Amino acid sequence: MSYNPNPQDQGWVTCRDRLLSTIAKWQGLYGSQKPRGVTIECAAAPRYTASFSAAEDRAVSVTFTAGKHVDKTVTVDRFARPVDNLWALALGLDDIRMNELRGLDSVAQQVYEALPAPRQKKSPWEVLGLPVNSAPDVIEAVYRTKAKRLHPDIGGSAAAFKELTEAYEAVKRG
């Protein structure tokens, strides 16, 4: 079963209003006061309830200033429908606001700081094990040798083979 952030199938306007209400509260505004400096961007406008396979089509970005967040932009593209991504943003930002209100933002920061750093992607030349600007015939020979050893059909790792192939393609493109 997959997670649906918008199980009641709220429409775009309802999701937008929930998000704006959250940011208004964060800015210390209540009642019918509108939040200041909020921009919502979505490439799929006006097809918010359609499903998209490409992340850039379904992504929703919100730029806002609230609390200690000055001109912050957050983007969600996890879900197939832009309206679901907007709802996820509304819920997520409300959770962050409430954590700050409860004094838990420093706890969340400590948790994030305790996570291991993301792996740095190797340069294509490093993956191939060659000096930069090696001769094309040397590149080809090294690629073929490593590909034979890393191919998943003969016991190699699919991830390592993919990394090698992507590096080879990048070097060929220049």
C-alpha atoms as a PDB file:
ATOM      1  CA  MET A   1       0.000   0.000   0.000  1.00  0.00           C
ATOM      2  CA  SER A   2       1.411   3.414  -0.900  1.00  0.00           C
ATOM      3  CA  TYR A   3       1.091   6.590   1.125  1.00  0.00           C
ATOM      4  CA  ASN A   4      -1.387   9.228  -0.022  1.00  0.00           C
ATOM      5  CA  PRO A   5      -0.855  12.633   1.613  1.00  0.00           C
ATOM      6  CA  ASN A   6      -4.290  13.778   0.432  1.00  0.00           C
ATOM      7  CA  PRO A   7      -6.678  10.890   1.238  1.00  0.00           C
ATOM      8  CA  GLN A   8      -9.766  13.113   1.179  1.00  0.00           C
ATOM      9  CA  ASP A   9      -8.829  14.284  -2.323  1.00  0.00           C
ATOM     10  CA  GLN A  10      -8.787  17.970  -1.435  1.00  0.00           C
ATOM     11  CA  GLY A  11      -8.800  20.308  -4.426  1.00  0.00           C
ATOM     12  CA  TRP A  12      -6.076  22.800  -5.324  1.00  0.00           C
ATOM     13  CA  VAL A  13      -7.847  25.783  -3.730  1.00  0.00           C
ATOM     14  CA  THR A  14      -8.362  23.947  -0.419  1.00  0.00           C
ATOM     15  CA  CYS A  15      -4.724  22.803  -0.384  1.00  0.00           C
ATOM     16  CA  ARG A  16      -3.495  26.292  -1.274  1.00  0.00           C
ATOM     17  CA  ASP A  17      -5.647  27.873   1.435  1.00  0.00           C
ATOM     18  CA  ARG A  18      -4.345  25.394   4.037  1.00  0.00           C
ATOM     19  CA  LEU A  19      -0.768  26.232   3.063  1.00  0.00           C
ATOM     20  CA  LEU A  20      -1.405  29.988   3.139  1.00  0.00           C
ATOM     21  CA  SER A  21      -3.149  29.672   6.521  1.00  0.00           C
ATOM     22  CA  THR A  22      -0.140  27.813   7.935  1.00  0.00           C
ATOM     23  CA  ILE A  23       2.291  30.456   6.687  1.00  0.00           C
ATOM     24  CA  ALA A  24       0.031  33.267   7.949  1.00  0.00           C
ATOM     25  CA  LYS A  25       0.044  31.702  11.442  1.00  0.00           C
ATOM     26  CA  TRP A  26       3.821  31.362  11.231  1.00  0.00           C
ATOM     27  CA  GLN A  27       4.008  35.066  10.395  1.00  0.00           C
ATOM     28  CA  GLY A  28       1.868  35.846  13.449  1.00  0.00           C
ATOM     29  CA  LEU A  29      -1.266  36.637  11.430  1.00  0.00           C
ATOM     30  CA  TYR A  30      -4.632  35.192  12.379  1.00  0.00           C
ATOM     31  CA  GLY A  31      -8.186  35.353  11.134  1.00  0.00           C
ATOM     32  CA  SER A  32      -8.631  36.520   7.563  1.00  0.00           C
ATOM     33  CA  GLN A  33      -5.226  38.211   7.284  1.00  0.00           C
ATOM     34  CA  LYS A  34      -3.276  37.068   4.230  1.00  0.00           C
ATOM     35  CA  PRO A  35       0.364  35.977   4.533  1.00  0.00           C
ATOM     36  CA  ARG A  36       3.015  38.201   2.993  1.00  0.00           C
ATOM     37  CA  GLY A  37       5.611  37.226   0.420  1.00  0.00           C
ATOM     38  CA  VAL A  38       4.396  33.746  -0.521  1.00  0.00           C
ATOM     39  CA  THR A  39       4.905  32.370  -4.035  1.00  0.00           C
ATOM     40  CA  ILE A  40       3.533  29.008  -5.172  1.00  0.00           C
ATOM     41  CA  GLU A  41       4.890  27.611  -8.440  1.00  0.00           C
ATOM     42  CA  CYS A  42       3.748  24.567 -10.398  1.00  0.00           C
ATOM     43  CA  ALA A  43       4.558  23.770 -14.025  1.00  0.00           C
ATOM     44  CA  ALA A  44       1.351  21.747 -14.376  1.00  0.00           C
ATOM     45  CA  ALA A  45      -1.016  24.707 -13.967  1.00  0.00           C
ATOM     46  CA  PRO A  46      -3.976  24.405 -14.457  1.00  0.00           C
ATOM     47  CA  ARG A  47      -3.924  20.564 -14.597  1.00  0.00           C
ATOM     48  CA  TYR A  48      -3.301  20.176 -10.869  1.00  0.00           C
ATOM     49  CA  THR A  49      -5.275  16.952 -10.459  1.00  0.00           C
ATOM     50  CA  ALA A  50      -3.733  15.130 -13.442  1.00  0.00           C
ATOM     51  CA  SER A  51      -1.001  12.525 -12.859  1.00  0.00           C
ATOM     52  CA  PHE A  52       2.480  13.160 -14.234  1.00  0.00           C
ATOM     53  CA  SER A  53       5.384  10.744 -14.478  1.00  0.00           C
ATOM     54  CA  ALA A  54       8.076  13.428 -14.812  1.00  0.00           C
ATOM     55  CA  ALA A  55       9.075  15.004 -11.490  1.00  0.00           C
ATOM     56  CA  GLU A  56       9.512  18.453 -13.033  1.00  0.00           C
ATOM     57  CA  ASP A  57       5.886  18.405 -14.261  1.00  0.00           C
ATOM     58  CA  ARG A  58       4.324  17.452 -10.931  1.00  0.00           C
ATOM     59  CA  ALA A  59       6.623  19.473  -8.653  1.00  0.00           C
ATOM     60  CA  VAL A  60       5.193  22.224  -6.477  1.00  0.00           C
ATOM     61  CA  SER A  61       7.502  24.877  -4.996  1.00  0.00           C
ATOM     62  CA  VAL A  62       6.667  27.386  -2.297  1.00  0.00           C
ATOM     63  CA  THR A  63       8.840  30.384  -1.478  1.00  0.00           C
ATOM     64  CA  PHE A  64       8.051  32.140   1.793  1.00  0.00           C
ATOM     65  CA  THR A  65       9.387  34.079   4.754  1.00  0.00           C
ATOM     66  CA  ALA A  66       8.179  33.019   8.187  1.00  0.00           C
ATOM     67  CA  GLY A  67       9.735  32.605  11.607  1.00  0.00           C
ATOM     68  CA  LYS A  68      13.469  32.200  11.163  1.00  0.00           C
ATOM     69  CA  HIS A  69      13.045  31.121   7.548  1.00  0.00           C
ATOM     70  CA  VAL A  70      13.820  34.037   5.232  1.00  0.00           C
ATOM     71  CA  ASP A  71      13.115  33.554   1.525  1.00  0.00           C
ATOM     72  CA  LYS A  72      13.062  29.772   1.844  1.00  0.00           C
ATOM     73  CA  THR A  73      11.991  27.670  -1.116  1.00  0.00           C
ATOM     74  CA  VAL A  74      10.767  24.138  -0.560  1.00  0.00           C
ATOM     75  CA  THR A  75       9.753  21.752  -3.323  1.00  0.00           C
ATOM     76  CA  VAL A  76       7.865  18.462  -3.284  1.00  0.00           C
ATOM     77  CA  ASP A  77       7.644  16.220  -6.364  1.00  0.00           C
ATOM     78  CA  ARG A  78       7.214  12.810  -4.716  1.00  0.00           C
ATOM     79  CA  PHE A  79       3.570  12.273  -5.630  1.00  0.00           C
ATOM     80  CA  ALA A  80       2.111  11.880  -9.140  1.00  0.00           C
ATOM     81  CA  ARG A  81      -0.407  14.719  -8.808  1.00  0.00           C
ATOM     82  CA  PRO A  82       0.602  18.342  -8.147  1.00  0.00           C
ATOM     83  CA  VAL A  83      -2.378  18.788  -5.816  1.00  0.00           C
ATOM     84  CA  ASP A  84      -1.051  15.958  -3.611  1.00  0.00           C
ATOM     85  CA  ASN A  85       2.399  17.569  -3.549  1.00  0.00           C
ATOM     86  CA  LEU A  86       0.839  20.883  -2.478  1.00  0.00           C
ATOM     87  CA  TRP A  87      -1.104  19.119   0.297  1.00  0.00           C
ATOM     88  CA  ALA A  88       2.111  17.404   1.453  1.00  0.00           C
ATOM     89  CA  LEU A  89       3.816  20.815   1.564  1.00  0.00           C
ATOM     90  CA  ALA A  90       0.949  22.278   3.590  1.00  0.00           C
ATOM     91  CA  LEU A  91       1.100  19.425   6.109  1.00  0.00           C
ATOM     92  CA  GLY A  92       4.899  19.407   6.270  1.00  0.00           C
ATOM     93  CA  LEU A  93       5.244  23.146   6.775  1.00  0.00           C
ATOM     94  CA  ASP A  94       2.562  23.072   9.461  1.00  0.00           C
ATOM     95  CA  ASP A  95       4.518  20.329  11.259  1.00  0.00           C
ATOM     96  CA  ILE A  96       7.714  22.409  11.067  1.00  0.00           C
ATOM     97  CA  ARG A  97       5.843  25.460  12.380  1.00  0.00           C
ATOM     98  CA  MET A  98       4.433  23.453  15.281  1.00  0.00           C
ATOM     99  CA  ASN A  99       7.855  21.958  16.087  1.00  0.00           C
ATOM    100  CA  GLU A 100       9.281  25.474  16.297  1.00  0.00           C
ATOM    101  CA  LEU A 101       6.357  26.572  18.472  1.00  0.00           C
ATOM    102  CA  ARG A 102       6.966  23.616  20.825  1.00  0.00           C
ATOM    103  CA  GLY A 103      10.718  24.225  20.914  1.00  0.00           C
ATOM    104  CA  LEU A 104      11.502  20.993  19.088  1.00  0.00           C
ATOM    105  CA  ASP A 105      13.255  22.547  16.090  1.00  0.00           C
ATOM    106  CA  SER A 106      16.650  22.177  17.788  1.00  0.00           C
ATOM    107  CA  VAL A 107      15.938  18.471  18.388  1.00  0.00           C
ATOM    108  CA  ALA A 108      15.133  18.004  14.693  1.00  0.00           C
ATOM    109  CA  GLN A 109      18.351  19.849  13.790  1.00  0.00           C
ATOM    110  CA  GLN A 110      20.357  17.507  16.045  1.00  0.00           C
ATOM    111  CA  VAL A 111      18.812  14.470  14.347  1.00  0.00           C
ATOM    112  CA  TYR A 112      19.684  15.785  10.881  1.00  0.00           C
ATOM    113  CA  GLU A 113      23.230  16.603  11.958  1.00  0.00           C
ATOM    114  CA  ALA A 114      23.648  13.045  13.278  1.00  0.00           C
ATOM    115  CA  LEU A 115      22.832  11.547   9.871  1.00  0.00           C
ATOM    116  CA  PRO A 116      25.767  10.437   7.717  1.00  0.00           C
ATOM    117  CA  ALA A 117      26.800  12.860   5.004  1.00  0.00           C
ATOM    118  CA  PRO A 118      25.541  12.014   1.514  1.00  0.00           C
ATOM    119  CA  ARG A 119      27.994  10.141  -0.665  1.00  0.00           C
ATOM    120  CA  GLN A 120      29.887  12.339  -3.059  1.00  0.00           C
ATOM    121  CA  LYS A 121      29.584  11.295  -6.675  1.00  0.00           C
ATOM    122  CA  LYS A 122      32.906  10.329  -8.260  1.00  0.00           C
ATOM    123  CA  SER A 123      34.089  12.079 -11.396  1.00  0.00           C
ATOM    124  CA  PRO A 124      33.760   9.995 -14.589  1.00  0.00           C
ATOM    125  CA  TRP A 125      37.546   9.898 -14.890  1.00  0.00           C
ATOM    126  CA  GLU A 126      37.851   8.567 -11.343  1.00  0.00           C
ATOM    127  CA  VAL A 127      35.269   5.829 -12.024  1.00  0.00           C
ATOM    128  CA  LEU A 128      37.186   4.762 -15.125  1.00  0.00           C
ATOM    129  CA  GLY A 129      40.498   5.020 -13.251  1.00  0.00           C
ATOM    130  CA  LEU A 130      42.042   7.195 -15.942  1.00  0.00           C
ATOM    131  CA  PRO A 131      43.764  10.580 -16.008  1.00  0.00           C
ATOM    132  CA  VAL A 132      41.695  13.430 -17.430  1.00  0.00           C
ATOM    133  CA  ASN A 133      41.796  13.694 -21.237  1.00  0.00           C
ATOM    134  CA  SER A 134      43.109  10.179 -21.860  1.00  0.00           C
ATOM    135  CA  ALA A 135      43.190   9.028 -25.474  1.00  0.00           C
ATOM    136  CA  PRO A 136      39.876   7.697 -26.865  1.00  0.00           C
ATOM    137  CA  ASP A 137      41.321   4.246 -27.605  1.00  0.00           C
ATOM    138  CA  VAL A 138      42.608   3.956 -24.015  1.00  0.00           C
ATOM    139  CA  ILE A 139      39.198   5.021 -22.664  1.00  0.00           C
ATOM    140  CA  GLU A 140      37.491   2.398 -24.824  1.00  0.00           C
ATOM    141  CA  ALA A 141      39.908  -0.364 -23.758  1.00  0.00           C
ATOM    142  CA  VAL A 142      39.581   0.425 -20.052  1.00  0.00           C
ATOM    143  CA  TYR A 143      35.793   0.616 -20.323  1.00  0.00           C
ATOM    144  CA  ARG A 144      35.566  -2.770 -22.077  1.00  0.00           C
ATOM    145  CA  THR A 145      37.872  -4.434 -19.546  1.00  0.00           C
ATOM    146  CA  LYS A 146      35.979  -3.058 -16.546  1.00  0.00           C
ATOM    147  CA  ALA A 147      32.584  -3.726 -18.148  1.00  0.00           C
ATOM    148  CA  LYS A 148      33.454  -7.417 -18.567  1.00  0.00           C
ATOM    149  CA  ARG A 149      34.361  -7.627 -14.884  1.00  0.00           C
ATOM    150  CA  LEU A 150      31.427  -5.571 -13.526  1.00  0.00           C
ATOM    151  CA  HIS A 151      28.579  -6.797 -15.750  1.00  0.00           C
ATOM    152  CA  PRO A 152      25.691  -8.173 -13.629  1.00  0.00           C
ATOM    153  CA  ASP A 153      25.235 -11.183 -15.922  1.00  0.00           C
ATOM    154  CA  ILE A 154      28.595 -12.557 -14.811  1.00  0.00           C
ATOM    155  CA  GLY A 155      28.283 -11.783 -11.104  1.00  0.00           C
ATOM    156  CA  GLY A 156      29.082  -8.085 -11.063  1.00  0.00           C
ATOM    157  CA  SER A 157      27.086  -5.397  -9.325  1.00  0.00           C
ATOM    158  CA  ALA A 158      24.297  -3.705 -11.295  1.00  0.00           C
ATOM    159  CA  ALA A 159      25.008  -0.423  -9.491  1.00  0.00           C
ATOM    160  CA  ALA A 160      28.742  -0.557 -10.261  1.00  0.00           C
ATOM    161  CA  PHE A 161      28.070  -1.422 -13.900  1.00  0.00           C
ATOM    162  CA  LYS A 162      25.604   1.448 -14.206  1.00  0.00           C
ATOM    163  CA  GLU A 163      28.112   3.848 -12.641  1.00  0.00           C
ATOM    164  CA  LEU A 164      30.792   2.664 -15.094  1.00  0.00           C
ATOM    165  CA  THR A 165      28.490   3.007 -18.107  1.00  0.00           C
ATOM    166  CA  GLU A 166      27.378   6.504 -17.076  1.00  0.00           C
ATOM    167  CA  ALA A 167      31.004   7.539 -16.572  1.00  0.00           C
ATOM    168  CA  TYR A 168      31.961   6.183 -19.993  1.00  0.00           C
ATOM    169  CA  GLU A 169      29.069   8.024 -21.662  1.00  0.00           C
ATOM    170  CA  ALA A 170      29.981  11.263 -19.857  1.00  0.00           C
ATOM    171  CA  VAL A 171      33.613  11.022 -20.950  1.00  0.00           C
ATOM    172  CA  LYS A 172      32.590  10.291 -24.554  1.00  0.00           C
ATOM    173  CA  ARG A 173      30.335  13.378 -24.566  1.00  0.00           C
ATOM    174  CA  GLY A 174      33.268  15.438 -23.386  1.00  0.00           C
END
